[in-house]
Structures are given as C-alpha cells and as structure tokens.
PDB file of N, CA and C in Angstrom:
ATOM      1  N   MET A   1      13.148  37.994   3.478  1.00  0.00           N
ATOM      2  CA  MET A   1      13.936  38.931   4.589  1.00  0.00           C
ATOM      3  C   MET A   1      12.779  38.720   5.882  1.00  0.00           C
ATOM      4  N   LEU A   2      13.250  38.545   6.735  1.00  0.00           N
ATOM      5  CA  LEU A   2      12.303  38.532   7.938  1.00  0.00           C
ATOM      6  C   LEU A   2      11.722  39.845   8.015  1.00  0.00           C
ATOM      7  N   PRO A   3      10.507  40.356   8.582  1.00  0.00           N
ATOM      8  CA  PRO A   3       9.570  41.515   8.785  1.00  0.00           C
ATOM      9  C   PRO A   3      10.611  42.277   9.779  1.00  0.00           C
ATOM     10  N   ALA A   4      10.574  43.529   9.454  1.00  0.00           N
ATOM     11  CA  ALA A   4      11.256  44.706  10.479  1.00  0.00           C
ATOM     12  C   ALA A   4      10.736  44.282  11.957  1.00  0.00           C
ATOM     13  N   GLY A   5      11.637  44.235  12.709  1.00  0.00           N
ATOM     14  CA  GLY A   5      11.362  44.178  14.051  1.00  0.00           C
ATOM     15  C   GLY A   5      11.312  42.455  14.721  1.00  0.00           C
ATOM     16  N   VAL A   6      11.465  41.622  13.519  1.00  0.00           N
ATOM     17  CA  VAL A   6      11.200  40.198  14.221  1.00  0.00           C
ATOM     18  C   VAL A   6      12.780  39.666  14.235  1.00  0.00           C
ATOM     19  N   MET A   7      13.241  38.988  15.305  1.00  0.00           N
ATOM     20  CA  MET A   7      14.349  38.672  15.450  1.00  0.00           C
ATOM     21  C   MET A   7      14.344  37.298  15.157  1.00  0.00           C
ATOM     22  N   LEU A   8      15.299  36.759  14.487  1.00  0.00           N
ATOM     23  CA  LEU A   8      15.562  35.364  14.281  1.00  0.00           C
ATOM     24  C   LEU A   8      15.575  34.245  15.643  1.00  0.00           C
ATOM     25  N   SER A   9      16.226  34.732  16.554  1.00  0.00           N
ATOM     26  CA  SER A   9      16.226  34.029  17.771  1.00  0.00           C
ATOM     27  C   SER A   9      14.774  33.919  18.667  1.00  0.00           C
ATOM     28  N   ARG A  10      13.849  34.717  18.118  1.00  0.00           N
ATOM     29  CA  ARG A  10      12.468  34.601  18.579  1.00  0.00           C
ATOM     30  C   ARG A  10      11.328  33.661  17.821  1.00  0.00           C
ATOM     31  N   LEU A  11      12.147  33.098  16.512  1.00  0.00           N
ATOM     32  CA  LEU A  11      11.388  32.291  16.052  1.00  0.00           C
ATOM     33  C   LEU A  11      11.412  30.765  16.618  1.00  0.00           C
ATOM     34  N   LEU A  12      10.164  30.403  17.247  1.00  0.00           N
ATOM     35  CA  LEU A  12      10.109  29.059  17.673  1.00  0.00           C
ATOM     36  C   LEU A  12       9.740  27.922  16.710  1.00  0.00           C
ATOM     37  N   GLU A  13       8.963  28.153  15.930  1.00  0.00           N
ATOM     38  CA  GLU A  13       8.443  27.011  14.988  1.00  0.00           C
ATOM     39  C   GLU A  13       8.371  27.390  13.590  1.00  0.00           C
ATOM     40  N   PHE A  14       8.169  26.398  12.712  1.00  0.00           N
ATOM     41  CA  PHE A  14       7.959  26.650  11.324  1.00  0.00           C
ATOM     42  C   PHE A  14       6.770  25.782  10.909  1.00  0.00           C
ATOM     43  N   SER A  15       5.580  25.984  10.125  1.00  0.00           N
ATOM     44  CA  SER A  15       4.465  24.829  10.131  1.00  0.00           C
ATOM     45  C   SER A  15       3.958  25.502   8.822  1.00  0.00           C
ATOM     46  N   ILE A  16       3.342  24.361   8.275  1.00  0.00           N
ATOM     47  CA  ILE A  16       2.498  24.246   6.960  1.00  0.00           C
ATOM     48  C   ILE A  16       1.399  23.670   7.290  1.00  0.00           C
ATOM     49  N   GLN A  17       0.150  24.505   6.897  1.00  0.00           N
ATOM     50  CA  GLN A  17      -1.025  24.006   7.081  1.00  0.00           C
ATOM     51  C   GLN A  17      -1.622  23.767   5.920  1.00  0.00           C
ATOM     52  N   PHE A  18      -2.184  22.563   5.668  1.00  0.00           N
ATOM     53  CA  PHE A  18      -2.766  21.861   4.420  1.00  0.00           C
ATOM     54  C   PHE A  18      -4.455  21.853   4.704  1.00  0.00           C
ATOM     55  N   TYR A  19      -5.089  22.664   3.427  1.00  0.00           N
ATOM     56  CA  TYR A  19      -6.338  22.582   3.538  1.00  0.00           C
ATOM     57  C   TYR A  19      -6.740  22.056   2.055  1.00  0.00           C
ATOM     58  N   SER A  20      -7.753  20.775   2.123  1.00  0.00           N
ATOM     59  CA  SER A  20      -7.934  20.051   1.057  1.00  0.00           C
ATOM     60  C   SER A  20      -9.175  20.675   0.340  1.00  0.00           C
ATOM     61  N   GLY A  21      -9.339  20.871  -0.732  1.00  0.00           N
ATOM     62  CA  GLY A  21     -10.570  21.210  -1.453  1.00  0.00           C
ATOM     63  C   GLY A  21     -11.602  20.124  -1.786  1.00  0.00           C
ATOM     64  N   GLN A  22     -12.792  20.303  -1.138  1.00  0.00           N
ATOM     65  CA  GLN A  22     -13.901  19.533  -1.332  1.00  0.00           C
ATOM     66  C   GLN A  22     -15.032  20.499  -1.960  1.00  0.00           C
ATOM     67  N   PRO A  23     -15.382  20.546  -3.420  1.00  0.00           N
ATOM     68  CA  PRO A  23     -16.817  21.228  -3.767  1.00  0.00           C
ATOM     69  C   PRO A  23     -17.816  20.960  -3.217  1.00  0.00           C
ATOM     70  N   ASP A  24     -18.030  19.824  -2.990  1.00  0.00           N
ATOM     71  CA  ASP A  24     -19.654  19.370  -2.374  1.00  0.00           C
ATOM     72  C   ASP A  24     -19.032  18.091  -1.302  1.00  0.00           C
ATOM     73  N   ILE A  25     -20.328  17.541  -0.977  1.00  0.00           N
ATOM     74  CA  ILE A  25     -20.237  16.821   0.266  1.00  0.00           C
ATOM     75  C   ILE A  25     -19.916  15.131  -0.583  1.00  0.00           C
ATOM     76  N   PHE A  26     -20.161  15.063  -1.928  1.00  0.00           N
ATOM     77  CA  PHE A  26     -20.322  13.827  -2.518  1.00  0.00           C
ATOM     78  C   PHE A  26     -18.563  13.717  -2.903  1.00  0.00           C
ATOM     79  N   SER A  27     -17.866  14.206  -2.940  1.00  0.00           N
ATOM     80  CA  SER A  27     -16.512  14.523  -3.397  1.00  0.00           C
ATOM     81  C   SER A  27     -15.643  14.234  -2.315  1.00  0.00           C
ATOM     82  N   THR A  28     -14.172  13.548  -2.525  1.00  0.00           N
ATOM     83  CA  THR A  28     -13.298  13.073  -1.438  1.00  0.00           C
ATOM     84  C   THR A  28     -12.507  14.308  -1.232  1.00  0.00           C
ATOM     85  N   GLY A  29     -11.741  14.126  -0.220  1.00  0.00           N
ATOM     86  CA  GLY A  29     -10.779  15.544  -0.197  1.00  0.00           C
ATOM     87  C   GLY A  29      -9.232  14.894  -0.851  1.00  0.00           C
ATOM     88  N   ASP A  30      -8.603  15.776  -0.926  1.00  0.00           N
ATOM     89  CA  ASP A  30      -7.049  15.377  -1.592  1.00  0.00           C
ATOM     90  C   ASP A  30      -6.337  15.026  -0.414  1.00  0.00           C
ATOM     91  N   ASN A  31      -5.474  14.221  -0.916  1.00  0.00           N
ATOM     92  CA  ASN A  31      -4.111  13.880   0.074  1.00  0.00           C
ATOM     93  C   ASN A  31      -2.971  14.097  -0.698  1.00  0.00           C
ATOM     94  N   TRP A  32      -1.690  14.829  -0.053  1.00  0.00           N
ATOM     95  CA  TRP A  32      -0.525  15.182  -0.483  1.00  0.00           C
ATOM     96  C   TRP A  32       0.578  14.392   0.512  1.00  0.00           C
ATOM     97  N   ASN A  33       1.472  14.181  -0.291  1.00  0.00           N
ATOM     98  CA  ASN A  33       2.919  13.719   0.417  1.00  0.00           C
ATOM     99  C   ASN A  33       3.872  14.808   0.304  1.00  0.00           C
ATOM    100  N   MET A  34       4.527  15.179   1.387  1.00  0.00           N
ATOM    101  CA  MET A  34       5.556  16.229   1.194  1.00  0.00           C
ATOM    102  C   MET A  34       6.981  15.327   1.475  1.00  0.00           C
ATOM    103  N   ASP A  35       7.666  15.303   0.451  1.00  0.00           N
ATOM    104  CA  ASP A  35       8.772  14.620   0.590  1.00  0.00           C
ATOM    105  C   ASP A  35      10.035  15.119   1.404  1.00  0.00           C
ATOM    106  N   ALA A  36      10.276  16.416   0.977  1.00  0.00           N
ATOM    107  CA  ALA A  36      11.325  17.384   1.320  1.00  0.00           C
ATOM    108  C   ALA A  36      10.981  18.681   1.790  1.00  0.00           C
ATOM    109  N   ILE A  37      11.531  19.540   2.592  1.00  0.00           N
ATOM    110  CA  ILE A  37      11.633  20.991   2.510  1.00  0.00           C
ATOM    111  C   ILE A  37      12.641  21.519   3.025  1.00  0.00           C
ATOM    112  N   THR A  38      12.738  22.725   2.581  1.00  0.00           N
ATOM    113  CA  THR A  38      14.242  23.756   3.108  1.00  0.00           C
ATOM    114  C   THR A  38      13.436  25.020   3.406  1.00  0.00           C
ATOM    115  N   VAL A  39      13.773  25.500   4.427  1.00  0.00           N
ATOM    116  CA  VAL A  39      13.228  26.659   4.781  1.00  0.00           C
ATOM    117  C   VAL A  39      14.616  27.765   5.175  1.00  0.00           C
ATOM    118  N   THR A  40      14.962  28.828   4.140  1.00  0.00           N
ATOM    119  CA  THR A  40      16.187  29.684   4.318  1.00  0.00           C
ATOM    120  C   THR A  40      15.471  31.097   4.603  1.00  0.00           C
ATOM    121  N   ALA A  41      16.484  31.672   5.519  1.00  0.00           N
ATOM    122  CA  ALA A  41      15.949  33.172   6.130  1.00  0.00           C
ATOM    123  C   ALA A  41      16.983  33.698   5.400  1.00  0.00           C
ATOM    124  N   ILE A  42      16.723  35.248   4.559  1.00  0.00           N
ATOM    125  CA  ILE A  42      17.640  35.895   4.412  1.00  0.00           C
ATOM    126  C   ILE A  42      18.015  36.961   5.429  1.00  0.00           C
ATOM    127  N   LEU A  43      18.996  36.986   5.770  1.00  0.00           N
ATOM    128  CA  LEU A  43      19.253  37.705   6.954  1.00  0.00           C
ATOM    129  C   LEU A  43      19.682  39.179   6.346  1.00  0.00           C
ATOM    130  N   ASP A  44      19.857  40.601   7.652  1.00  0.00           N
ATOM    131  CA  ASP A  44      19.832  41.787   6.930  1.00  0.00           C
ATOM    132  C   ASP A  44      20.960  41.781   6.240  1.00  0.00           C
ATOM    133  N   ASP A  45      22.087  41.107   6.468  1.00  0.00           N
ATOM    134  CA  ASP A  45      23.350  41.469   5.476  1.00  0.00           C
ATOM    135  C   ASP A  45      23.379  40.539   4.102  1.00  0.00           C
ATOM    136  N   GLU A  46      21.833  39.976   4.038  1.00  0.00           N
ATOM    137  CA  GLU A  46      21.890  39.267   2.806  1.00  0.00           C
ATOM    138  C   GLU A  46      22.316  37.999   2.662  1.00  0.00           C
ATOM    139  N   SER A  47      23.040  37.551   3.664  1.00  0.00           N
ATOM    140  CA  SER A  47      23.592  36.278   3.891  1.00  0.00           C
ATOM    141  C   SER A  47      22.133  35.280   4.331  1.00  0.00           C
ATOM    142  N   GLU A  48      22.416  33.853   3.548  1.00  0.00           N
ATOM    143  CA  GLU A  48      21.414  33.145   3.882  1.00  0.00           C
ATOM    144  C   GLU A  48      21.805  32.148   4.892  1.00  0.00           C
ATOM    145  N   LEU A  49      20.520  31.814   5.813  1.00  0.00           N
ATOM    146  CA  LEU A  49      20.651  30.692   6.888  1.00  0.00           C
ATOM    147  C   LEU A  49      19.700  29.844   6.669  1.00  0.00           C
ATOM    148  N   VAL A  50      20.231  28.525   6.451  1.00  0.00           N
ATOM    149  CA  VAL A  50      18.905  27.416   6.315  1.00  0.00           C
ATOM    150  C   VAL A  50      18.265  27.105   7.973  1.00  0.00           C
ATOM    151  N   LEU A  51      17.040  27.211   7.890  1.00  0.00           N
ATOM    152  CA  LEU A  51      16.539  26.998   9.279  1.00  0.00           C
ATOM    153  C   LEU A  51      15.971  25.575   9.431  1.00  0.00           C
ATOM    154  N   VAL A  52      15.464  25.092   8.259  1.00  0.00           N
ATOM    155  CA  VAL A  52      15.016  23.716   8.081  1.00  0.00           C
ATOM    156  C   VAL A  52      15.485  22.972   7.010  1.00  0.00           C
ATOM    157  N   GLN A  53      15.735  21.790   6.856  1.00  0.00           N
ATOM    158  CA  GLN A  53      16.169  21.180   5.812  1.00  0.00           C
ATOM    159  C   GLN A  53      15.878  19.276   6.261  1.00  0.00           C
ATOM    160  N   GLN A  54      14.639  18.766   5.944  1.00  0.00           N
ATOM    161  CA  GLN A  54      14.234  17.782   6.162  1.00  0.00           C
ATOM    162  C   GLN A  54      13.885  16.700   4.872  1.00  0.00           C
ATOM    163  N   ALA A  55      13.910  15.464   4.979  1.00  0.00           N
ATOM    164  CA  ALA A  55      13.491  14.923   3.784  1.00  0.00           C
ATOM    165  C   ALA A  55      12.848  13.384   4.376  1.00  0.00           C
ATOM    166  N   GLY A  56      11.739  12.862   3.714  1.00  0.00           N
ATOM    167  CA  GLY A  56      11.640  11.677   3.961  1.00  0.00           C
ATOM    168  C   GLY A  56      10.697  11.100   2.833  1.00  0.00           C
ATOM    169  N   SER A  57      10.293   9.812   3.078  1.00  0.00           N
ATOM    170  CA  SER A  57       9.335   9.118   1.746  1.00  0.00           C
ATOM    171  C   SER A  57       8.060   8.485   2.294  1.00  0.00           C
ATOM    172  N   PRO A  58       7.371   9.538   2.628  1.00  0.00           N
ATOM    173  CA  PRO A  58       7.398  11.004   2.941  1.00  0.00           C
ATOM    174  C   PRO A  58       7.778  11.364   3.877  1.00  0.00           C
ATOM    175  N   LEU A  59       7.962  12.582   4.111  1.00  0.00           N
ATOM    176  CA  LEU A  59       8.291  13.337   5.114  1.00  0.00           C
ATOM    177  C   LEU A  59       7.160  13.551   6.332  1.00  0.00           C
ATOM    178  N   HIS A  60       6.020  13.549   5.524  1.00  0.00           N
ATOM    179  CA  HIS A  60       4.794  14.120   6.098  1.00  0.00           C
ATOM    180  C   HIS A  60       3.318  13.751   4.926  1.00  0.00           C
ATOM    181  N   ARG A  61       2.465  13.098   5.387  1.00  0.00           N
ATOM    182  CA  ARG A  61       1.395  12.732   4.577  1.00  0.00           C
ATOM    183  C   ARG A  61       0.355  13.648   4.836  1.00  0.00           C
ATOM    184  N   PHE A  62      -0.203  14.753   4.182  1.00  0.00           N
ATOM    185  CA  PHE A  62      -1.451  15.536   4.600  1.00  0.00           C
ATOM    186  C   PHE A  62      -2.421  14.550   4.030  1.00  0.00           C
ATOM    187  N   MET A  63      -3.728  14.594   4.970  1.00  0.00           N
ATOM    188  CA  MET A  63      -4.805  13.820   4.355  1.00  0.00           C
ATOM    189  C   MET A  63      -5.864  15.061   4.782  1.00  0.00           C
ATOM    190  N   SER A  64      -7.015  14.704   3.792  1.00  0.00           N
ATOM    191  CA  SER A  64      -8.184  15.817   3.725  1.00  0.00           C
ATOM    192  C   SER A  64      -8.786  15.851   5.149  1.00  0.00           C
ATOM    193  N   ASP A  65      -8.626  15.204   6.062  1.00  0.00           N
ATOM    194  CA  ASP A  65      -9.577  15.050   6.965  1.00  0.00           C
ATOM    195  C   ASP A  65      -8.866  15.214   8.550  1.00  0.00           C
ATOM    196  N   ARG A  66      -7.221  14.768   8.479  1.00  0.00           N
ATOM    197  CA  ARG A  66      -6.709  14.806   9.460  1.00  0.00           C
ATOM    198  C   ARG A  66      -4.961  14.986   8.945  1.00  0.00           C
ATOM    199  N   GLN A  67      -4.120  14.989  10.074  1.00  0.00           N
ATOM    200  CA  GLN A  67      -3.026  15.125   9.472  1.00  0.00           C
ATOM    201  C   GLN A  67      -2.983  16.155   8.578  1.00  0.00           C
ATOM    202  N   THR A  68      -3.809  17.326   8.883  1.00  0.00           N
ATOM    203  CA  THR A  68      -3.519  18.719   7.826  1.00  0.00           C
ATOM    204  C   THR A  68      -2.510  19.588   8.277  1.00  0.00           C
ATOM    205  N   ARG A  69      -1.626  19.521   9.315  1.00  0.00           N
ATOM    206  CA  ARG A  69      -0.603  20.229   9.756  1.00  0.00           C
ATOM    207  C   ARG A  69       0.593  19.498   9.909  1.00  0.00           C
ATOM    208  N   TRP A  70       1.910  20.121   9.481  1.00  0.00           N
ATOM    209  CA  TRP A  70       3.028  19.837   9.824  1.00  0.00           C
ATOM    210  C   TRP A  70       3.893  20.931  10.612  1.00  0.00           C
ATOM    211  N   ALA A  71       4.610  20.542  11.401  1.00  0.00           N
ATOM    212  CA  ALA A  71       5.566  21.416  12.241  1.00  0.00           C
ATOM    213  C   ALA A  71       6.679  21.021  12.638  1.00  0.00           C
ATOM    214  N   THR A  72       7.788  22.031  12.906  1.00  0.00           N
ATOM    215  CA  THR A  72       8.949  21.391  13.390  1.00  0.00           C
ATOM    216  C   THR A  72       9.597  22.589  14.170  1.00  0.00           C
ATOM    217  N   ALA A  73      10.202  22.262  15.242  1.00  0.00           N
ATOM    218  CA  ALA A  73      11.253  23.501  15.964  1.00  0.00           C
ATOM    219  C   ALA A  73      11.919  23.895  15.136  1.00  0.00           C
ATOM    220  N   LEU A  74      12.331  25.384  15.558  1.00  0.00           N
ATOM    221  CA  LEU A  74      13.653  25.911  14.686  1.00  0.00           C
ATOM    222  C   LEU A  74      14.608  26.063  16.055  1.00  0.00           C
TER     223      LEU A  74
END
C-alpha cells in the first residue's frame, strides 16, 4: 500500500538504482540485464492498479560503472 498521505496522482517517476559489488580494485563490477518489470499499486480499497508494465530484450542493461539507473515516468 502507499504510505499514508501519499497520493497516487503525485507520483511522477519510478526508478531502480543498481550498485555493483566490487570487493577490491582488482575485481570487475557486475552487469545485469533487466528484461521486464511490473509495478503494481495497492489502493485504499485493496484493488490493484498496474503503474508500469514494460519488457524488452533487455529492457535495460545495468553496467557496473555506467547506466546504473533506470527510470520511467508514471
């Protein structure tokens, strides 16, 4: 559920931030593909509203040192 006082109409963006683990300077960072995402809001009446539903091959590739954030407007 949305936190108290948060209005669905005031949400502008949904984003995912990726942080790659590099335990030392000799290790390379991780890369990950995100192929699909669905974001669903549960409303006060317990009904569900799909806010985001996207897919691709990949939809986004997170890389260890760049392209670490993916965002979409709501």
